[in-house]
Amino acid sequence: MVAVIVAGALVGAPSVASAAPMPAASVSATRVVPAAKPVIKKFANCTALNKVHKGGVAKAGVKYNKVSGKNKTFKVKPTFSTALYNANSKMDRDKDGIACEKG
């Protein structure tokens, strides 16, 4: 009986929502789904990696390709991803922070 009286009182009351809308998150009971993590693929060899990432994969922050101890500009720009590099770091033979680089 109390619920009917309260509901009846709310019907006749002026709407507060029209004066100041409330955020939808506090009104509805929706479920928040976290964003999916990007898939980090471990490639079998440089041929397979270069089919997807033409210039290889570099750690974030790498600015040059080291060739014989000298800094060279990239002939083909690599994909910059530290997580992807870490998964495929065994293919970085010269240990310059770029796996399967071109040139």
C-alpha atoms as a PDB file:
ATOM      1  CA  MET A   1       0.000   0.000   0.000  1.00  0.00           C
ATOM      2  CA  VAL A   2       2.889   2.345   0.743  1.00  0.00           C
ATOM      3  CA  ALA A   3       4.345   1.825  -2.731  1.00  0.00           C
ATOM      4  CA  VAL A   4       1.072   2.890  -4.339  1.00  0.00           C
ATOM      5  CA  ILE A   5       0.940   6.082  -2.296  1.00  0.00           C
ATOM      6  CA  VAL A   6       4.594   6.932  -3.084  1.00  0.00           C
ATOM      7  CA  ALA A   7       4.087   6.189  -6.770  1.00  0.00           C
ATOM      8  CA  GLY A   8       0.960   8.360  -6.797  1.00  0.00           C
ATOM      9  CA  ALA A   9       2.861  11.193  -5.122  1.00  0.00           C
ATOM     10  CA  LEU A  10       5.599  11.038  -7.758  1.00  0.00           C
ATOM     11  CA  VAL A  11       3.118  11.222 -10.621  1.00  0.00           C
ATOM     12  CA  GLY A  12       1.795  14.593  -9.494  1.00  0.00           C
ATOM     13  CA  ALA A  13       5.233  16.016  -8.579  1.00  0.00           C
ATOM     14  CA  PRO A  14       7.065  18.255 -11.069  1.00  0.00           C
ATOM     15  CA  SER A  15       9.795  16.512 -13.037  1.00  0.00           C
ATOM     16  CA  VAL A  16      13.310  17.279 -11.804  1.00  0.00           C
ATOM     17  CA  ALA A  17      14.893  15.601 -14.817  1.00  0.00           C
ATOM     18  CA  SER A  18      13.589  18.259 -17.195  1.00  0.00           C
ATOM     19  CA  ALA A  19      15.275  21.043 -15.201  1.00  0.00           C
ATOM     20  CA  ALA A  20      18.692  19.356 -14.886  1.00  0.00           C
ATOM     21  CA  PRO A  21      19.336  16.128 -16.807  1.00  0.00           C
ATOM     22  CA  MET A  22      21.262  13.474 -14.922  1.00  0.00           C
ATOM     23  CA  PRO A  23      24.056  11.464 -16.511  1.00  0.00           C
ATOM     24  CA  ALA A  24      22.835   8.286 -18.174  1.00  0.00           C
ATOM     25  CA  ALA A  25      25.332   6.146 -16.255  1.00  0.00           C
ATOM     26  CA  SER A  26      23.766   6.993 -12.906  1.00  0.00           C
ATOM     27  CA  VAL A  27      20.220   6.451 -14.145  1.00  0.00           C
ATOM     28  CA  SER A  28      20.511   3.197 -16.067  1.00  0.00           C
ATOM     29  CA  ALA A  29      21.964  -0.050 -14.848  1.00  0.00           C
ATOM     30  CA  THR A  30      24.103  -0.853 -17.894  1.00  0.00           C
ATOM     31  CA  ARG A  31      27.019  -3.192 -17.744  1.00  0.00           C
ATOM     32  CA  VAL A  32      30.401  -1.671 -18.593  1.00  0.00           C
ATOM     33  CA  VAL A  33      32.612  -3.964 -20.650  1.00  0.00           C
ATOM     34  CA  PRO A  34      36.347  -3.185 -20.628  1.00  0.00           C
ATOM     35  CA  ALA A  35      38.066  -2.600 -23.959  1.00  0.00           C
ATOM     36  CA  ALA A  36      39.629  -5.678 -25.505  1.00  0.00           C
ATOM     37  CA  LYS A  37      43.419  -5.926 -25.310  1.00  0.00           C
ATOM     38  CA  PRO A  38      45.159  -5.855 -28.678  1.00  0.00           C
ATOM     39  CA  VAL A  39      46.298  -9.238 -29.877  1.00  0.00           C
ATOM     40  CA  ILE A  40      50.080  -9.612 -29.775  1.00  0.00           C
ATOM     41  CA  LYS A  41      51.143 -12.184 -32.346  1.00  0.00           C
ATOM     42  CA  LYS A  42      54.356 -14.143 -32.106  1.00  0.00           C
ATOM     43  CA  PHE A  43      55.631 -14.865 -35.619  1.00  0.00           C
ATOM     44  CA  ALA A  44      57.582 -17.973 -36.625  1.00  0.00           C
ATOM     45  CA  ASN A  45      60.166 -16.102 -38.718  1.00  0.00           C
ATOM     46  CA  CYS A  46      60.972 -12.757 -40.370  1.00  0.00           C
ATOM     47  CA  THR A  47      59.274 -13.730 -43.620  1.00  0.00           C
ATOM     48  CA  ALA A  48      55.943 -14.160 -41.815  1.00  0.00           C
ATOM     49  CA  LEU A  49      56.451 -10.975 -39.775  1.00  0.00           C
ATOM     50  CA  ASN A  50      57.360  -8.891 -42.857  1.00  0.00           C
ATOM     51  CA  LYS A  51      54.192  -9.978 -44.663  1.00  0.00           C
ATOM     52  CA  VAL A  52      52.196  -8.109 -42.012  1.00  0.00           C
ATOM     53  CA  HIS A  53      54.708  -5.451 -40.879  1.00  0.00           C
ATOM     54  CA  LYS A  54      56.686  -4.414 -43.998  1.00  0.00           C
ATOM     55  CA  GLY A  55      59.505  -2.602 -42.177  1.00  0.00           C
ATOM     56  CA  GLY A  56      59.736  -4.935 -39.199  1.00  0.00           C
ATOM     57  CA  VAL A  57      58.740  -4.201 -35.602  1.00  0.00           C
ATOM     58  CA  ALA A  58      60.531  -1.680 -33.395  1.00  0.00           C
ATOM     59  CA  LYS A  59      60.355  -0.790 -29.723  1.00  0.00           C
ATOM     60  CA  ALA A  60      58.699   2.543 -29.008  1.00  0.00           C
ATOM     61  CA  GLY A  61      61.274   5.326 -29.044  1.00  0.00           C
ATOM     62  CA  VAL A  62      63.707   3.813 -31.571  1.00  0.00           C
ATOM     63  CA  LYS A  63      64.776   6.567 -33.969  1.00  0.00           C
ATOM     64  CA  TYR A  64      67.403   4.916 -36.162  1.00  0.00           C
ATOM     65  CA  ASN A  65      68.436   1.582 -37.604  1.00  0.00           C
ATOM     66  CA  LYS A  66      71.934   0.698 -36.394  1.00  0.00           C
ATOM     67  CA  VAL A  67      74.053  -0.701 -39.211  1.00  0.00           C
ATOM     68  CA  SER A  68      77.661  -1.562 -38.355  1.00  0.00           C
ATOM     69  CA  GLY A  69      77.434   0.698 -35.297  1.00  0.00           C
ATOM     70  CA  LYS A  70      76.207   3.729 -37.282  1.00  0.00           C
ATOM     71  CA  ASN A  71      72.748   5.292 -37.190  1.00  0.00           C
ATOM     72  CA  LYS A  72      70.957   4.960 -40.526  1.00  0.00           C
ATOM     73  CA  THR A  73      67.519   6.278 -41.480  1.00  0.00           C
ATOM     74  CA  PHE A  74      64.749   3.763 -42.088  1.00  0.00           C
ATOM     75  CA  LYS A  75      64.379   2.602 -45.696  1.00  0.00           C
ATOM     76  CA  VAL A  76      60.972   1.175 -44.796  1.00  0.00           C
ATOM     77  CA  LYS A  77      59.350   2.564 -41.644  1.00  0.00           C
ATOM     78  CA  PRO A  78      58.785  -0.173 -39.035  1.00  0.00           C
ATOM     79  CA  THR A  79      55.710  -0.698 -36.872  1.00  0.00           C
ATOM     80  CA  PHE A  80      56.383   0.792 -33.422  1.00  0.00           C
ATOM     81  CA  SER A  81      55.074  -1.468 -30.644  1.00  0.00           C
ATOM     82  CA  THR A  82      57.087  -2.469 -27.593  1.00  0.00           C
ATOM     83  CA  ALA A  83      54.749  -5.368 -26.758  1.00  0.00           C
ATOM     84  CA  LEU A  84      54.906  -6.747 -30.314  1.00  0.00           C
ATOM     85  CA  TYR A  85      58.700  -6.298 -30.359  1.00  0.00           C
ATOM     86  CA  ASN A  86      59.043  -8.138 -27.031  1.00  0.00           C
ATOM     87  CA  ALA A  87      57.028 -11.072 -28.392  1.00  0.00           C
ATOM     88  CA  ASN A  88      59.338 -11.280 -31.432  1.00  0.00           C
ATOM     89  CA  SER A  89      62.644 -10.023 -29.987  1.00  0.00           C
ATOM     90  CA  LYS A  90      64.418 -13.280 -30.848  1.00  0.00           C
ATOM     91  CA  MET A  91      64.404 -12.070 -34.467  1.00  0.00           C
ATOM     92  CA  ASP A  92      66.413  -8.916 -33.627  1.00  0.00           C
ATOM     93  CA  ARG A  93      69.835 -10.345 -34.387  1.00  0.00           C
ATOM     94  CA  ASP A  94      71.784  -7.075 -34.139  1.00  0.00           C
ATOM     95  CA  LYS A  95      69.981  -6.031 -30.911  1.00  0.00           C
ATOM     96  CA  ASP A  96      69.202  -2.494 -32.135  1.00  0.00           C
ATOM     97  CA  GLY A  97      65.570  -2.549 -30.987  1.00  0.00           C
ATOM     98  CA  ILE A  98      64.127  -3.453 -34.405  1.00  0.00           C
ATOM     99  CA  ALA A  99      63.140  -7.022 -35.280  1.00  0.00           C
ATOM    100  CA  CYS A 100      63.223  -8.042 -38.968  1.00  0.00           C
ATOM    101  CA  GLU A 101      64.099  -4.565 -40.241  1.00  0.00           C
ATOM    102  CA  LYS A 102      64.439  -3.854 -43.945  1.00  0.00           C
ATOM    103  CA  GLY A 103      67.773  -2.230 -44.772  1.00  0.00           C
END
